[in-house]
C-alpha atoms as a PDB file:
ATOM      1  CA  MET A   1       0.000   0.000   0.000  1.00  0.00           C
ATOM      2  CA  LYS A   2       1.314   3.436  -0.972  1.00  0.00           C
ATOM      3  CA  GLY A   3      -0.609   5.350   1.679  1.00  0.00           C
ATOM      4  CA  THR A   4      -4.047   6.536   2.756  1.00  0.00           C
ATOM      5  CA  ILE A   5      -6.199   9.277   1.237  1.00  0.00           C
ATOM      6  CA  LEU A   6      -8.567  11.347   3.400  1.00  0.00           C
ATOM      7  CA  VAL A   7     -11.860  12.303   1.712  1.00  0.00           C
ATOM      8  CA  THR A   8     -14.265  14.709   3.422  1.00  0.00           C
ATOM      9  CA  ASP A   9     -18.056  14.940   2.923  1.00  0.00           C
ATOM     10  CA  ASN A  10     -19.953  12.633   0.521  1.00  0.00           C
ATOM     11  CA  LEU A  11     -20.979  14.954  -2.311  1.00  0.00           C
ATOM     12  CA  PHE A  12     -17.833  14.299  -4.321  1.00  0.00           C
ATOM     13  CA  ILE A  13     -15.717  11.190  -5.007  1.00  0.00           C
ATOM     14  CA  PHE A  14     -18.020   8.454  -6.274  1.00  0.00           C
ATOM     15  CA  PRO A  15     -17.453   4.679  -5.946  1.00  0.00           C
ATOM     16  CA  GLU A  16     -15.701   4.665  -9.316  1.00  0.00           C
ATOM     17  CA  HIS A  17     -13.203   7.219  -7.992  1.00  0.00           C
ATOM     18  CA  GLU A  18     -12.581   5.192  -4.870  1.00  0.00           C
ATOM     19  CA  ALA A  19     -11.932   2.188  -7.106  1.00  0.00           C
ATOM     20  CA  LYS A  20      -9.425   4.184  -9.156  1.00  0.00           C
ATOM     21  CA  LEU A  21      -7.549   5.275  -6.036  1.00  0.00           C
ATOM     22  CA  ARG A  22      -7.418   1.717  -4.709  1.00  0.00           C
ATOM     23  CA  GLU A  23      -6.237   0.391  -8.054  1.00  0.00           C
ATOM     24  CA  ALA A  24      -3.402   2.917  -7.846  1.00  0.00           C
ATOM     25  CA  GLY A  25      -2.381   1.407  -4.490  1.00  0.00           C
ATOM     26  CA  TYR A  26      -4.021   3.748  -1.975  1.00  0.00           C
ATOM     27  CA  GLU A  27      -6.452   3.195   0.866  1.00  0.00           C
ATOM     28  CA  ILE A  28      -9.333   5.613   1.504  1.00  0.00           C
ATOM     29  CA  GLU A  29     -10.615   7.027   4.757  1.00  0.00           C
ATOM     30  CA  ARG A  30     -13.877   8.982   4.726  1.00  0.00           C
ATOM     31  CA  LEU A  31     -14.735  11.799   7.096  1.00  0.00           C
ATOM     32  CA  ASP A  32     -18.383  12.021   6.161  1.00  0.00           C
ATOM     33  CA  LYS A  33     -19.007  15.592   7.318  1.00  0.00           C
ATOM     34  CA  PRO A  34     -19.551  18.682   5.147  1.00  0.00           C
ATOM     35  CA  GLU A  35     -17.958  21.053   7.653  1.00  0.00           C
ATOM     36  CA  ALA A  36     -15.456  19.265   9.874  1.00  0.00           C
ATOM     37  CA  THR A  37     -13.925  21.261  12.711  1.00  0.00           C
ATOM     38  CA  GLU A  38     -10.246  22.133  12.896  1.00  0.00           C
ATOM     39  CA  GLU A  39      -9.828  19.606  15.703  1.00  0.00           C
ATOM     40  CA  GLU A  40     -11.475  16.845  13.660  1.00  0.00           C
ATOM     41  CA  LEU A  41      -9.305  17.625  10.653  1.00  0.00           C
ATOM     42  CA  ILE A  42      -6.127  17.708  12.711  1.00  0.00           C
ATOM     43  CA  GLU A  43      -6.859  14.206  13.898  1.00  0.00           C
ATOM     44  CA  ALA A  44      -8.072  12.919  10.522  1.00  0.00           C
ATOM     45  CA  VAL A  45      -5.151  14.214   8.432  1.00  0.00           C
ATOM     46  CA  LYS A  46      -2.463  12.495  10.497  1.00  0.00           C
ATOM     47  CA  GLY A  47      -0.747   9.768   8.519  1.00  0.00           C
ATOM     48  CA  LYS A  48      -2.498  10.646   5.264  1.00  0.00           C
ATOM     49  CA  VAL A  49      -0.506  11.194   2.086  1.00  0.00           C
ATOM     50  CA  GLY A  50      -3.415  12.879   0.298  1.00  0.00           C
ATOM     51  CA  TYR A  51      -6.526  14.812   1.239  1.00  0.00           C
ATOM     52  CA  ILE A  52      -9.498  15.450  -1.052  1.00  0.00           C
ATOM     53  CA  LEU A  53     -11.398  18.447   0.268  1.00  0.00           C
ATOM     54  CA  GLY A  54     -15.001  17.711  -0.653  1.00  0.00           C
ATOM     55  CA  GLY A  55     -16.731  19.696   2.078  1.00  0.00           C
ATOM     56  CA  ILE A  56     -16.752  23.335   3.129  1.00  0.00           C
ATOM     57  CA  GLU A  57     -14.290  23.000   6.003  1.00  0.00           C
ATOM     58  CA  ARG A  58     -11.287  25.288   6.427  1.00  0.00           C
ATOM     59  CA  VAL A  59      -7.807  23.832   6.067  1.00  0.00           C
ATOM     60  CA  THR A  60      -5.802  25.989   8.466  1.00  0.00           C
ATOM     61  CA  ASP A  61      -2.082  26.165   9.212  1.00  0.00           C
ATOM     62  CA  LYS A  62      -2.620  23.797  12.139  1.00  0.00           C
ATOM     63  CA  VAL A  63      -4.300  21.229   9.903  1.00  0.00           C
ATOM     64  CA  ILE A  64      -1.439  21.394   7.402  1.00  0.00           C
ATOM     65  CA  GLU A  65       1.116  21.068  10.195  1.00  0.00           C
ATOM     66  CA  ALA A  66      -0.682  18.002  11.560  1.00  0.00           C
ATOM     67  CA  GLY A  67      -0.347  16.260   8.184  1.00  0.00           C
ATOM     68  CA  ASN A  68       2.971  14.605   8.980  1.00  0.00           C
ATOM     69  CA  GLU A  69       2.886  12.575   5.726  1.00  0.00           C
ATOM     70  CA  LEU A  70       0.725  14.911   3.663  1.00  0.00           C
ATOM     71  CA  LYS A  71       1.819  15.597   0.079  1.00  0.00           C
ATOM     72  CA  VAL A  72      -1.299  17.023  -1.564  1.00  0.00           C
ATOM     73  CA  VAL A  73      -4.638  18.681  -0.802  1.00  0.00           C
ATOM     74  CA  ALA A  74      -7.020  18.358  -3.752  1.00  0.00           C
ATOM     75  CA  PHE A  75      -9.852  20.911  -3.573  1.00  0.00           C
ATOM     76  CA  THR A  76     -13.047  20.080  -5.485  1.00  0.00           C
ATOM     77  CA  GLY A  77     -13.612  23.685  -6.557  1.00  0.00           C
ATOM     78  CA  ALA A  78     -11.842  26.557  -8.258  1.00  0.00           C
ATOM     79  CA  ASP A  79     -11.312  29.280  -5.645  1.00  0.00           C
ATOM     80  CA  ALA A  80      -9.321  27.550  -2.905  1.00  0.00           C
ATOM     81  CA  THR A  81      -8.233  30.658  -1.001  1.00  0.00           C
ATOM     82  CA  HIS A  82     -11.274  30.709   1.274  1.00  0.00           C
ATOM     83  CA  PHE A  83     -11.227  26.971   2.009  1.00  0.00           C
ATOM     84  CA  VAL A  84      -7.462  26.573   2.379  1.00  0.00           C
ATOM     85  CA  PRO A  85      -6.337  29.543   4.499  1.00  0.00           C
ATOM     86  CA  GLY A  86      -3.257  27.436   5.262  1.00  0.00           C
ATOM     87  CA  MET A  87      -2.079  27.840   1.667  1.00  0.00           C
ATOM     88  CA  HIS A  88       1.214  29.504   2.598  1.00  0.00           C
ATOM     89  CA  ALA A  89       1.896  26.907   5.289  1.00  0.00           C
ATOM     90  CA  ALA A  90       1.293  24.219   2.679  1.00  0.00           C
ATOM     91  CA  ALA A  91       3.743  25.816   0.273  1.00  0.00           C
ATOM     92  CA  LYS A  92       6.415  26.052   2.980  1.00  0.00           C
ATOM     93  CA  ARG A  93       6.015  22.377   3.858  1.00  0.00           C
ATOM     94  CA  GLY A  94       6.010  21.272   0.214  1.00  0.00           C
ATOM     95  CA  VAL A  95       2.338  20.254   0.280  1.00  0.00           C
ATOM     96  CA  ALA A  96       0.725  20.784  -3.117  1.00  0.00           C
ATOM     97  CA  VAL A  97      -2.760  22.269  -3.397  1.00  0.00           C
ATOM     98  CA  THR A  98      -4.783  21.544  -6.536  1.00  0.00           C
ATOM     99  CA  THR A  99      -8.126  22.856  -7.777  1.00  0.00           C
ATOM    100  CA  THR A 100     -10.763  21.931 -10.371  1.00  0.00           C
ATOM    101  CA  PRO A 101     -11.221  25.090 -12.475  1.00  0.00           C
ATOM    102  CA  GLY A 102     -14.285  25.091 -14.698  1.00  0.00           C
ATOM    103  CA  ALA A 103     -15.752  21.887 -13.270  1.00  0.00           C
ATOM    104  CA  ASN A 104     -18.997  23.518 -12.156  1.00  0.00           C
ATOM    105  CA  ALA A 105     -19.006  26.382 -14.675  1.00  0.00           C
ATOM    106  CA  TYR A 106     -21.899  25.063 -16.747  1.00  0.00           C
ATOM    107  CA  ALA A 107     -23.977  24.346 -13.633  1.00  0.00           C
ATOM    108  CA  VAL A 108     -23.479  27.860 -12.242  1.00  0.00           C
ATOM    109  CA  ALA A 109     -24.123  29.520 -15.615  1.00  0.00           C
ATOM    110  CA  GLU A 110     -27.274  27.448 -16.092  1.00  0.00           C
ATOM    111  CA  TYR A 111     -28.561  28.382 -12.632  1.00  0.00           C
ATOM    112  CA  THR A 112     -27.708  32.050 -13.136  1.00  0.00           C
ATOM    113  CA  LEU A 113     -29.574  32.141 -16.430  1.00  0.00           C
ATOM    114  CA  SER A 114     -32.569  30.453 -14.781  1.00  0.00           C
ATOM    115  CA  VAL A 115     -32.644  33.123 -12.069  1.00  0.00           C
ATOM    116  CA  ILE A 116     -32.332  35.961 -14.591  1.00  0.00           C
ATOM    117  CA  LEU A 117     -35.258  34.597 -16.595  1.00  0.00           C
ATOM    118  CA  ALA A 118     -37.363  33.964 -13.484  1.00  0.00           C
ATOM    119  CA  MET A 119     -36.806  37.483 -12.149  1.00  0.00           C
ATOM    120  CA  THR A 120     -37.230  39.126 -15.547  1.00  0.00           C
ATOM    121  CA  ARG A 121     -40.575  37.386 -16.100  1.00  0.00           C
ATOM    122  CA  ASN A 122     -41.502  37.747 -12.391  1.00  0.00           C
ATOM    123  CA  ILE A 123     -42.274  34.046 -12.174  1.00  0.00           C
ATOM    124  CA  PHE A 124     -42.253  33.950  -8.375  1.00  0.00           C
ATOM    125  CA  GLU A 125     -45.030  36.518  -7.871  1.00  0.00           C
ATOM    126  CA  LEU A 126     -47.048  35.323 -10.864  1.00  0.00           C
ATOM    127  CA  SER A 127     -47.311  31.775  -9.517  1.00  0.00           C
ATOM    128  CA  ARG A 128     -48.618  30.040  -6.399  1.00  0.00           C
ATOM    129  CA  THR A 129     -45.649  31.463  -4.446  1.00  0.00           C
ATOM    130  CA  GLY A 130     -46.965  35.002  -5.033  1.00  0.00           C
ATOM    131  CA  ASP A 131     -50.261  36.844  -5.304  1.00  0.00           C
ATOM    132  CA  LYS A 132     -50.164  38.435  -8.776  1.00  0.00           C
ATOM    133  CA  THR A 133     -52.365  37.090 -11.587  1.00  0.00           C
ATOM    134  CA  PHE A 134     -51.425  39.394 -14.442  1.00  0.00           C
ATOM    135  CA  GLN A 135     -48.389  41.492 -15.304  1.00  0.00           C
ATOM    136  CA  THR A 136     -46.732  42.477 -18.556  1.00  0.00           C
ATOM    137  CA  THR A 137     -42.990  41.922 -18.191  1.00  0.00           C
ATOM    138  CA  LYS A 138     -39.951  42.471 -20.351  1.00  0.00           C
ATOM    139  CA  SER A 139     -38.109  39.846 -22.356  1.00  0.00           C
ATOM    140  CA  LEU A 140     -34.375  39.205 -22.676  1.00  0.00           C
ATOM    141  CA  ARG A 141     -34.724  40.405 -26.269  1.00  0.00           C
ATOM    142  CA  GLU A 142     -35.413  43.890 -24.871  1.00  0.00           C
ATOM    143  CA  LEU A 143     -32.615  43.977 -22.301  1.00  0.00           C
ATOM    144  CA  THR A 144     -28.948  44.870 -22.040  1.00  0.00           C
ATOM    145  CA  VAL A 145     -27.128  42.431 -19.773  1.00  0.00           C
ATOM    146  CA  GLY A 146     -23.758  43.201 -18.226  1.00  0.00           C
ATOM    147  CA  ILE A 147     -21.378  40.428 -17.208  1.00  0.00           C
ATOM    148  CA  VAL A 148     -18.740  41.319 -14.617  1.00  0.00           C
ATOM    149  CA  GLY A 149     -15.922  38.765 -14.802  1.00  0.00           C
ATOM    150  CA  MET A 150     -15.182  36.774 -17.945  1.00  0.00           C
ATOM    151  CA  GLY A 151     -13.799  33.493 -16.632  1.00  0.00           C
ATOM    152  CA  HIS A 152     -15.262  30.054 -17.363  1.00  0.00           C
ATOM    153  CA  ILE A 153     -18.727  31.002 -16.079  1.00  0.00           C
ATOM    154  CA  GLY A 154     -18.799  34.476 -17.580  1.00  0.00           C
ATOM    155  CA  GLN A 155     -17.943  33.106 -21.023  1.00  0.00           C
ATOM    156  CA  LEU A 156     -20.710  30.520 -20.805  1.00  0.00           C
ATOM    157  CA  MET A 157     -23.143  33.250 -19.764  1.00  0.00           C
ATOM    158  CA  ALA A 158     -22.178  35.247 -22.851  1.00  0.00           C
ATOM    159  CA  LYS A 159     -22.915  32.257 -25.070  1.00  0.00           C
ATOM    160  CA  HIS A 160     -26.230  31.467 -23.342  1.00  0.00           C
ATOM    161  CA  LEU A 161     -27.481  35.051 -23.431  1.00  0.00           C
ATOM    162  CA  THR A 162     -26.608  35.693 -27.058  1.00  0.00           C
ATOM    163  CA  ALA A 163     -28.068  32.338 -28.104  1.00  0.00           C
ATOM    164  CA  LEU A 164     -31.363  33.404 -26.517  1.00  0.00           C
ATOM    165  CA  GLY A 165     -31.356  36.651 -28.464  1.00  0.00           C
ATOM    166  CA  CYS A 166     -30.491  39.066 -25.660  1.00  0.00           C
ATOM    167  CA  LYS A 167     -30.624  42.602 -27.039  1.00  0.00           C
ATOM    168  CA  ARG A 168     -27.056  43.534 -26.028  1.00  0.00           C
ATOM    169  CA  VAL A 169     -24.394  41.926 -23.841  1.00  0.00           C
ATOM    170  CA  LEU A 170     -21.593  43.963 -22.279  1.00  0.00           C
ATOM    171  CA  TYR A 171     -18.740  42.610 -20.208  1.00  0.00           C
ATOM    172  CA  SER A 172     -16.164  43.998 -17.824  1.00  0.00           C
ATOM    173  CA  ASN A 173     -12.965  42.091 -17.176  1.00  0.00           C
ATOM    174  CA  ARG A 174      -9.296  42.652 -16.348  1.00  0.00           C
ATOM    175  CA  THR A 175      -8.420  41.670 -19.910  1.00  0.00           C
ATOM    176  CA  ILE A 176     -10.243  41.920 -23.223  1.00  0.00           C
ATOM    177  CA  LYS A 177     -11.489  38.569 -24.523  1.00  0.00           C
ATOM    178  CA  GLU A 178     -11.295  38.961 -28.303  1.00  0.00           C
ATOM    179  CA  ASP A 179     -12.118  35.322 -29.039  1.00  0.00           C
ATOM    180  CA  ILE A 180     -15.400  35.350 -27.128  1.00  0.00           C
ATOM    181  CA  GLU A 181     -16.258  38.766 -28.621  1.00  0.00           C
ATOM    182  CA  LYS A 182     -15.873  37.361 -32.142  1.00  0.00           C
ATOM    183  CA  GLU A 183     -17.827  34.212 -31.284  1.00  0.00           C
ATOM    184  CA  THR A 184     -20.776  35.891 -29.573  1.00  0.00           C
ATOM    185  CA  GLY A 185     -20.795  39.577 -30.508  1.00  0.00           C
ATOM    186  CA  ILE A 186     -20.550  40.796 -26.915  1.00  0.00           C
ATOM    187  CA  GLU A 187     -18.888  44.162 -26.200  1.00  0.00           C
ATOM    188  CA  TYR A 188     -16.101  45.066 -23.795  1.00  0.00           C
ATOM    189  CA  ALA A 189     -16.844  47.995 -21.459  1.00  0.00           C
ATOM    190  CA  SER A 190     -15.484  49.500 -18.267  1.00  0.00           C
ATOM    191  CA  LEU A 191     -17.108  48.472 -14.994  1.00  0.00           C
ATOM    192  CA  ASP A 192     -18.771  51.889 -14.751  1.00  0.00           C
ATOM    193  CA  GLU A 193     -20.194  51.514 -18.263  1.00  0.00           C
ATOM    194  CA  VAL A 194     -21.524  48.052 -17.486  1.00  0.00           C
ATOM    195  CA  LEU A 195     -23.202  49.307 -14.318  1.00  0.00           C
ATOM    196  CA  ASN A 196     -24.604  52.432 -16.011  1.00  0.00           C
ATOM    197  CA  GLN A 197     -25.969  50.830 -19.152  1.00  0.00           C
ATOM    198  CA  SER A 198     -27.198  47.366 -18.120  1.00  0.00           C
ATOM    199  CA  ASP A 199     -30.733  46.317 -17.230  1.00  0.00           C
ATOM    200  CA  VAL A 200     -29.292  43.161 -15.662  1.00  0.00           C
ATOM    201  CA  VAL A 201     -25.834  42.888 -14.071  1.00  0.00           C
ATOM    202  CA  THR A 202     -24.519  39.403 -13.289  1.00  0.00           C
ATOM    203  CA  LEU A 203     -21.365  38.959 -11.196  1.00  0.00           C
ATOM    204  CA  HIS A 204     -18.849  36.205 -11.871  1.00  0.00           C
ATOM    205  CA  VAL A 205     -15.791  37.315  -9.910  1.00  0.00           C
ATOM    206  CA  SER A 206     -13.557  35.430  -7.492  1.00  0.00           C
ATOM    207  CA  LYS A 207     -12.656  36.327  -3.922  1.00  0.00           C
ATOM    208  CA  ALA A 208      -9.543  37.991  -5.308  1.00  0.00           C
ATOM    209  CA  VAL A 209     -11.588  41.150  -5.967  1.00  0.00           C
ATOM    210  CA  GLY A 210     -12.048  41.568  -2.210  1.00  0.00           C
ATOM    211  CA  GLU A 211     -14.994  42.136   0.105  1.00  0.00           C
ATOM    212  CA  GLY A 212     -17.453  44.785  -0.995  1.00  0.00           C
ATOM    213  CA  PHE A 213     -16.243  44.928  -4.596  1.00  0.00           C
ATOM    214  CA  ILE A 214     -19.702  46.230  -5.465  1.00  0.00           C
ATOM    215  CA  ASP A 215     -20.283  48.793  -2.712  1.00  0.00           C
ATOM    216  CA  ALA A 216     -22.715  51.653  -2.129  1.00  0.00           C
ATOM    217  CA  GLU A 217     -20.976  53.860  -4.685  1.00  0.00           C
ATOM    218  CA  GLU A 218     -21.062  51.178  -7.371  1.00  0.00           C
ATOM    219  CA  LEU A 219     -24.733  50.418  -6.685  1.00  0.00           C
ATOM    220  CA  THR A 220     -25.674  54.061  -7.198  1.00  0.00           C
ATOM    221  CA  LYS A 221     -24.257  53.856 -10.727  1.00  0.00           C
ATOM    222  CA  MET A 222     -26.935  51.331 -11.728  1.00  0.00           C
ATOM    223  CA  LYS A 223     -30.117  52.455 -13.461  1.00  0.00           C
ATOM    224  CA  ASP A 224     -33.399  52.384 -11.569  1.00  0.00           C
ATOM    225  CA  GLY A 225     -34.929  48.925 -11.806  1.00  0.00           C
ATOM    226  CA  THR A 226     -31.659  47.147 -12.567  1.00  0.00           C
ATOM    227  CA  LEU A 227     -31.511  43.492 -11.538  1.00  0.00           C
ATOM    228  CA  LEU A 228     -28.230  42.529  -9.819  1.00  0.00           C
ATOM    229  CA  VAL A 229     -27.538  38.774  -9.881  1.00  0.00           C
ATOM    230  CA  ASN A 230     -24.789  37.189  -7.814  1.00  0.00           C
ATOM    231  CA  CYS A 231     -24.395  33.417  -7.955  1.00  0.00           C
ATOM    232  CA  GLY A 232     -20.736  33.494  -7.002  1.00  0.00           C
ATOM    233  CA  PHE A 233     -18.654  35.152  -4.287  1.00  0.00           C
ATOM    234  CA  MET A 234     -21.269  36.550  -1.895  1.00  0.00           C
ATOM    235  CA  GLY A 235     -18.830  38.898  -0.208  1.00  0.00           C
ATOM    236  CA  GLY A 236     -18.374  40.690  -3.512  1.00  0.00           C
ATOM    237  CA  VAL A 237     -21.471  42.808  -2.792  1.00  0.00           C
ATOM    238  CA  ASN A 238     -21.813  45.056   0.247  1.00  0.00           C
ATOM    239  CA  ARG A 239     -24.999  43.622   1.720  1.00  0.00           C
ATOM    240  CA  ASP A 240     -25.834  46.642   3.886  1.00  0.00           C
ATOM    241  CA  ALA A 241     -25.707  48.906   0.844  1.00  0.00           C
ATOM    242  CA  LEU A 242     -27.658  46.394  -1.240  1.00  0.00           C
ATOM    243  CA  LEU A 243     -30.376  46.106   1.384  1.00  0.00           C
ATOM    244  CA  SER A 244     -30.802  49.866   1.410  1.00  0.00           C
ATOM    245  CA  GLU A 245     -31.230  49.966  -2.370  1.00  0.00           C
ATOM    246  CA  LEU A 246     -33.721  47.090  -2.305  1.00  0.00           C
ATOM    247  CA  GLN A 247     -35.759  48.580   0.514  1.00  0.00           C
ATOM    248  CA  ASN A 248     -36.207  51.859  -1.312  1.00  0.00           C
ATOM    249  CA  GLY A 249     -37.291  49.918  -4.390  1.00  0.00           C
ATOM    250  CA  ARG A 250     -34.657  51.300  -6.735  1.00  0.00           C
ATOM    251  CA  LEU A 251     -32.891  48.019  -7.512  1.00  0.00           C
ATOM    252  CA  ARG A 252     -33.721  44.317  -7.551  1.00  0.00           C
ATOM    253  CA  ALA A 253     -31.394  41.419  -6.735  1.00  0.00           C
ATOM    254  CA  ALA A 254     -31.042  37.647  -6.847  1.00  0.00           C
ATOM    255  CA  GLU A 255     -28.432  35.704  -4.879  1.00  0.00           C
ATOM    256  CA  ASP A 256     -27.343  32.116  -4.478  1.00  0.00           C
ATOM    257  CA  GLY A 257     -27.469  31.932  -0.651  1.00  0.00           C
ATOM    258  CA  PRO A 258     -26.911  31.994   2.181  1.00  0.00           C
ATOM    259  CA  LYS A 259     -30.126  33.538   3.453  1.00  0.00           C
ATOM    260  CA  ASP A 260     -30.113  36.836   5.315  1.00  0.00           C
ATOM    261  CA  GLU A 261     -33.118  37.416   7.567  1.00  0.00           C
ATOM    262  CA  ARG A 262     -32.939  41.180   7.057  1.00  0.00           C
ATOM    263  CA  PHE A 263     -34.062  40.677   3.443  1.00  0.00           C
ATOM    264  CA  GLU A 264     -36.988  38.342   4.179  1.00  0.00           C
ATOM    265  CA  SER A 265     -39.689  41.033   4.172  1.00  0.00           C
ATOM    266  CA  LEU A 266     -38.819  42.192   0.647  1.00  0.00           C
ATOM    267  CA  PRO A 267     -41.260  41.334  -2.174  1.00  0.00           C
ATOM    268  CA  LEU A 268     -40.468  38.320  -4.358  1.00  0.00           C
ATOM    269  CA  SER A 269     -40.149  40.593  -7.363  1.00  0.00           C
ATOM    270  CA  THR A 270     -37.454  42.588  -5.551  1.00  0.00           C
ATOM    271  CA  TRP A 271     -35.268  39.894  -4.046  1.00  0.00           C
ATOM    272  CA  TYR A 272     -34.662  36.174  -4.586  1.00  0.00           C
ATOM    273  CA  CYS A 273     -32.306  34.026  -2.535  1.00  0.00           C
ATOM    274  CA  SER A 274     -31.688  30.289  -2.456  1.00  0.00           C
ATOM    275  CA  ASN A 275     -31.733  28.569   0.939  1.00  0.00           C
ATOM    276  CA  ALA A 276     -28.010  27.755   0.653  1.00  0.00           C
ATOM    277  CA  HIS A 277     -25.373  27.725  -2.080  1.00  0.00           C
ATOM    278  CA  THR A 278     -26.828  25.491  -4.779  1.00  0.00           C
ATOM    279  CA  ALA A 279     -25.877  26.875  -8.196  1.00  0.00           C
ATOM    280  CA  TYR A 280     -22.845  24.581  -8.510  1.00  0.00           C
ATOM    281  CA  ASN A 281     -24.629  21.415  -7.390  1.00  0.00           C
ATOM    282  CA  THR A 282     -25.514  19.158 -10.316  1.00  0.00           C
ATOM    283  CA  HIS A 283     -24.583  15.513 -10.712  1.00  0.00           C
ATOM    284  CA  GLU A 284     -22.567  16.299 -13.837  1.00  0.00           C
ATOM    285  CA  ALA A 285     -20.586  19.092 -12.169  1.00  0.00           C
ATOM    286  CA  ASN A 286     -19.822  16.954  -9.128  1.00  0.00           C
ATOM    287  CA  LYS A 287     -18.696  14.105 -11.370  1.00  0.00           C
ATOM    288  CA  VAL A 288     -16.377  16.360 -13.383  1.00  0.00           C
ATOM    289  CA  ALA A 289     -14.894  17.892 -10.201  1.00  0.00           C
ATOM    290  CA  SER A 290     -14.342  14.416  -8.753  1.00  0.00           C
ATOM    291  CA  ASP A 291     -12.661  13.229 -11.948  1.00  0.00           C
ATOM    292  CA  MET A 292     -10.335  16.235 -11.937  1.00  0.00           C
ATOM    293  CA  ALA A 293      -9.533  16.098  -8.205  1.00  0.00           C
ATOM    294  CA  VAL A 294      -8.633  12.402  -8.274  1.00  0.00           C
ATOM    295  CA  GLU A 295      -6.529  12.790 -11.419  1.00  0.00           C
ATOM    296  CA  SER A 296      -4.646  15.746  -9.929  1.00  0.00           C
ATOM    297  CA  LEU A 297      -4.089  13.986  -6.624  1.00  0.00           C
ATOM    298  CA  LEU A 298      -2.651  10.908  -8.331  1.00  0.00           C
ATOM    299  CA  ASN A 299      -0.478  13.052 -10.599  1.00  0.00           C
ATOM    300  CA  ILE A 300       1.025  14.840  -7.592  1.00  0.00           C
ATOM    301  CA  LEU A 301       1.596  11.629  -5.650  1.00  0.00           C
ATOM    302  CA  GLU A 302       3.138   9.837  -8.624  1.00  0.00           C
ATOM    303  CA  THR A 303       5.029  12.624 -10.418  1.00  0.00           C
ATOM    304  CA  GLY A 304       4.988  15.655  -8.113  1.00  0.00           C
ATOM    305  CA  ASN A 305       3.323  17.834 -10.734  1.00  0.00           C
ATOM    306  CA  ASP A 306      -0.113  18.594 -12.175  1.00  0.00           C
ATOM    307  CA  GLN A 307      -1.579  21.277 -14.460  1.00  0.00           C
ATOM    308  CA  TYR A 308      -4.019  22.372 -11.720  1.00  0.00           C
ATOM    309  CA  LYS A 309      -1.416  22.684  -8.958  1.00  0.00           C
ATOM    310  CA  ILE A 310      -1.537  26.156  -7.406  1.00  0.00           C
ATOM    311  CA  THR A 311       1.140  25.721  -4.679  1.00  0.00           C
END
């Protein structure tokens, strides 16, 4: 036996992945909890050569230090900074951290598009969840949609929106994406231009932008009635400022969890929120992330290198 792999939670790593790891000469130990404590992780990681992070726990410096045989932490997501705060400790100890970029991109884009359509057509208030029986709404064919962040998800959103005949799609990004512009006809714009001109603004930025990326000042740049959709990094929007704009009825918003009780009294047409993060969670996305995480983990253990290694 080459060593033991720790796998947390049960959403990722299917029986076929366990079989692949065993065929490669490794044993598997499951910690079947979505949010293990630091103390539980410290105990669980001892003696493990690999660790597949399938939950939402935090891998701290102390957890890394407790991994006396640890060589790799494979994260089943793209933005590992929040979940592996012990990243620098891992780098110092020679522990690789890998991610699965793009694995859930289609799932998140699909969910985001669903929310945009539902809010645009006011589905929630015009159904048994609301009390309206008749309302003339707008269509995507009448709207300008602004995409902030043109990574895997943002690019899929551009393709989805243009395929559905959206009137105009703008995007703001650190770099101009000429290939996606040529493919879809979307237009590059500054962040201010996207906020000023869009009827719908959808955020697809990572935690690297920092807390409150869209703050009170940025919100004031949006037109009256603009729908702000955030199915990604929740901290990217200043929630106090957003609440103020929603309460005065100037803006509308849709978010992919977690719930905030302060928003509960708002009308369904003004604010939508899922009960918890769910945009990423499809069987296909989980399967792709599991495939990538296992492949990366084995690559690191066998060769010391992998294309998705970030430390």
